[in-house]
C-alpha atoms as a PDB file:
ATOM      1  CA  UNK A   1     -19.421  -4.821  -0.084  1.00  0.00           C
ATOM      2  CA  UNK A   2     -16.221  -4.236  -1.984  1.00  0.00           C
ATOM      3  CA  UNK A   3     -14.187  -7.275  -2.964  1.00  0.00           C
ATOM      4  CA  UNK A   4     -10.420  -6.850  -2.817  1.00  0.00           C
ATOM      5  CA  UNK A   5      -7.750  -8.998  -4.446  1.00  0.00           C
ATOM      6  CA  UNK A   6      -4.814 -10.450  -2.484  1.00  0.00           C
ATOM      7  CA  UNK A   7      -2.408  -7.560  -3.192  1.00  0.00           C
ATOM      8  CA  UNK A   8      -5.033  -5.035  -2.095  1.00  0.00           C
ATOM      9  CA  UNK A   9      -5.853  -6.993   1.069  1.00  0.00           C
ATOM     10  CA  UNK A  10      -2.188  -7.383   1.957  1.00  0.00           C
ATOM     11  CA  UNK A  11      -1.610  -3.640   1.607  1.00  0.00           C
ATOM     12  CA  UNK A  12      -4.828  -2.848   3.491  1.00  0.00           C
ATOM     13  CA  UNK A  13      -3.559  -4.952   6.400  1.00  0.00           C
ATOM     14  CA  UNK A  14      -0.238  -3.088   6.407  1.00  0.00           C
ATOM     15  CA  UNK A  15      -1.989   0.284   6.286  1.00  0.00           C
ATOM     16  CA  UNK A  16      -4.502  -0.604   8.995  1.00  0.00           C
ATOM     17  CA  UNK A  17      -1.677  -1.812  11.263  1.00  0.00           C
ATOM     18  CA  UNK A  18       0.268   1.441  10.762  1.00  0.00           C
ATOM     19  CA  UNK A  19      -2.863   3.523  11.420  1.00  0.00           C
ATOM     20  CA  UNK A  20      -3.636   1.552  14.577  1.00  0.00           C
ATOM     21  CA  UNK A  21      -0.074   2.019  15.846  1.00  0.00           C
ATOM     22  CA  UNK A  22      -0.201   5.767  15.254  1.00  0.00           C
ATOM     23  CA  UNK A  23      -3.799   6.570  16.205  1.00  0.00           C
ATOM     24  CA  UNK A  24      -4.768   3.723  18.554  1.00  0.00           C
ATOM     25  CA  UNK A  25      -7.519   2.427  16.283  1.00  0.00           C
ATOM     26  CA  UNK A  26      -8.110   1.749  12.609  1.00  0.00           C
ATOM     27  CA  UNK A  27     -11.195   1.367  10.414  1.00  0.00           C
ATOM     28  CA  UNK A  28     -12.430  -2.191   9.969  1.00  0.00           C
ATOM     29  CA  UNK A  29     -12.238  -3.899   6.582  1.00  0.00           C
ATOM     30  CA  UNK A  30     -16.036  -3.853   6.366  1.00  0.00           C
ATOM     31  CA  UNK A  31     -16.357  -0.140   7.191  1.00  0.00           C
ATOM     32  CA  UNK A  32     -18.695   1.465   4.637  1.00  0.00           C
ATOM     33  CA  UNK A  33     -16.255   4.312   3.915  1.00  0.00           C
ATOM     34  CA  UNK A  34     -13.011   2.389   4.456  1.00  0.00           C
ATOM     35  CA  UNK A  35     -11.003   4.043   1.690  1.00  0.00           C
ATOM     36  CA  UNK A  36     -12.294   7.528   2.504  1.00  0.00           C
ATOM     37  CA  UNK A  37     -11.373   6.949   6.153  1.00  0.00           C
ATOM     38  CA  UNK A  38      -7.883   5.827   5.154  1.00  0.00           C
ATOM     39  CA  UNK A  39      -7.450   8.949   3.009  1.00  0.00           C
ATOM     40  CA  UNK A  40      -8.455  11.071   6.009  1.00  0.00           C
ATOM     41  CA  UNK A  41      -5.872   9.318   8.163  1.00  0.00           C
ATOM     42  CA  UNK A  42      -3.232   9.991   5.497  1.00  0.00           C
ATOM     43  CA  UNK A  43      -3.787  13.724   5.829  1.00  0.00           C
ATOM     44  CA  UNK A  44      -3.670  13.574   9.652  1.00  0.00           C
ATOM     45  CA  UNK A  45      -0.664  11.273   9.907  1.00  0.00           C
ATOM     46  CA  UNK A  46       2.695  12.663  10.974  1.00  0.00           C
ATOM     47  CA  UNK A  47       4.457   9.416   9.987  1.00  0.00           C
ATOM     48  CA  UNK A  48       6.116   9.411   6.559  1.00  0.00           C
ATOM     49  CA  UNK A  49       6.030   5.607   6.393  1.00  0.00           C
ATOM     50  CA  UNK A  50       2.291   5.502   7.076  1.00  0.00           C
ATOM     51  CA  UNK A  51       1.682   8.091   4.360  1.00  0.00           C
ATOM     52  CA  UNK A  52       3.882   6.127   1.967  1.00  0.00           C
ATOM     53  CA  UNK A  53       2.025   2.888   2.704  1.00  0.00           C
ATOM     54  CA  UNK A  54      -1.316   4.621   2.115  1.00  0.00           C
ATOM     55  CA  UNK A  55       0.005   6.062  -1.153  1.00  0.00           C
ATOM     56  CA  UNK A  56       1.056   2.564  -2.231  1.00  0.00           C
ATOM     57  CA  UNK A  57      -2.409   1.236  -1.371  1.00  0.00           C
ATOM     58  CA  UNK A  58      -4.067   3.934  -3.473  1.00  0.00           C
ATOM     59  CA  UNK A  59      -1.730   3.139  -6.374  1.00  0.00           C
ATOM     60  CA  UNK A  60      -2.608  -0.561  -6.140  1.00  0.00           C
ATOM     61  CA  UNK A  61      -6.323   0.305  -6.129  1.00  0.00           C
ATOM     62  CA  UNK A  62      -5.906   2.599  -9.138  1.00  0.00           C
ATOM     63  CA  UNK A  63      -8.209   5.381 -10.192  1.00  0.00           C
ATOM     64  CA  UNK A  64      -9.912   7.327  -8.771  1.00  0.00           C
ATOM     65  CA  UNK A  65      -7.982   6.592  -5.553  1.00  0.00           C
ATOM     66  CA  UNK A  66      -4.532   7.455  -6.871  1.00  0.00           C
ATOM     67  CA  UNK A  67      -5.739  10.847  -8.056  1.00  0.00           C
ATOM     68  CA  UNK A  68      -7.650  11.493  -4.815  1.00  0.00           C
ATOM     69  CA  UNK A  69      -4.489  10.852  -2.796  1.00  0.00           C
ATOM     70  CA  UNK A  70      -2.442  13.082  -5.094  1.00  0.00           C
ATOM     71  CA  UNK A  71      -4.980  15.913  -4.833  1.00  0.00           C
ATOM     72  CA  UNK A  72      -5.232  15.591  -1.052  1.00  0.00           C
ATOM     73  CA  UNK A  73      -1.475  15.868  -0.687  1.00  0.00           C
ATOM     74  CA  UNK A  74      -1.019  18.252  -3.619  1.00  0.00           C
ATOM     75  CA  UNK A  75       1.350  15.928  -5.475  1.00  0.00           C
ATOM     76  CA  UNK A  76       1.193  16.685  -9.174  1.00  0.00           C
END
């Protein structure tokens, strides 16, 4: 199980709420592939705010997540 700090948890809650609003459901905090699932939602999302919130989460988490987000969205 991954342990998150307060900033990470706060951003995860924001991201999960945005995903649930857009897609009707969101991965649980204890999902085995939580961050991978969130990255997949970022590529499917049509909402710029959701994508921005996911990007912020990946930046808070640091590498390799920041780079994975950048590659997925071709932001170099």
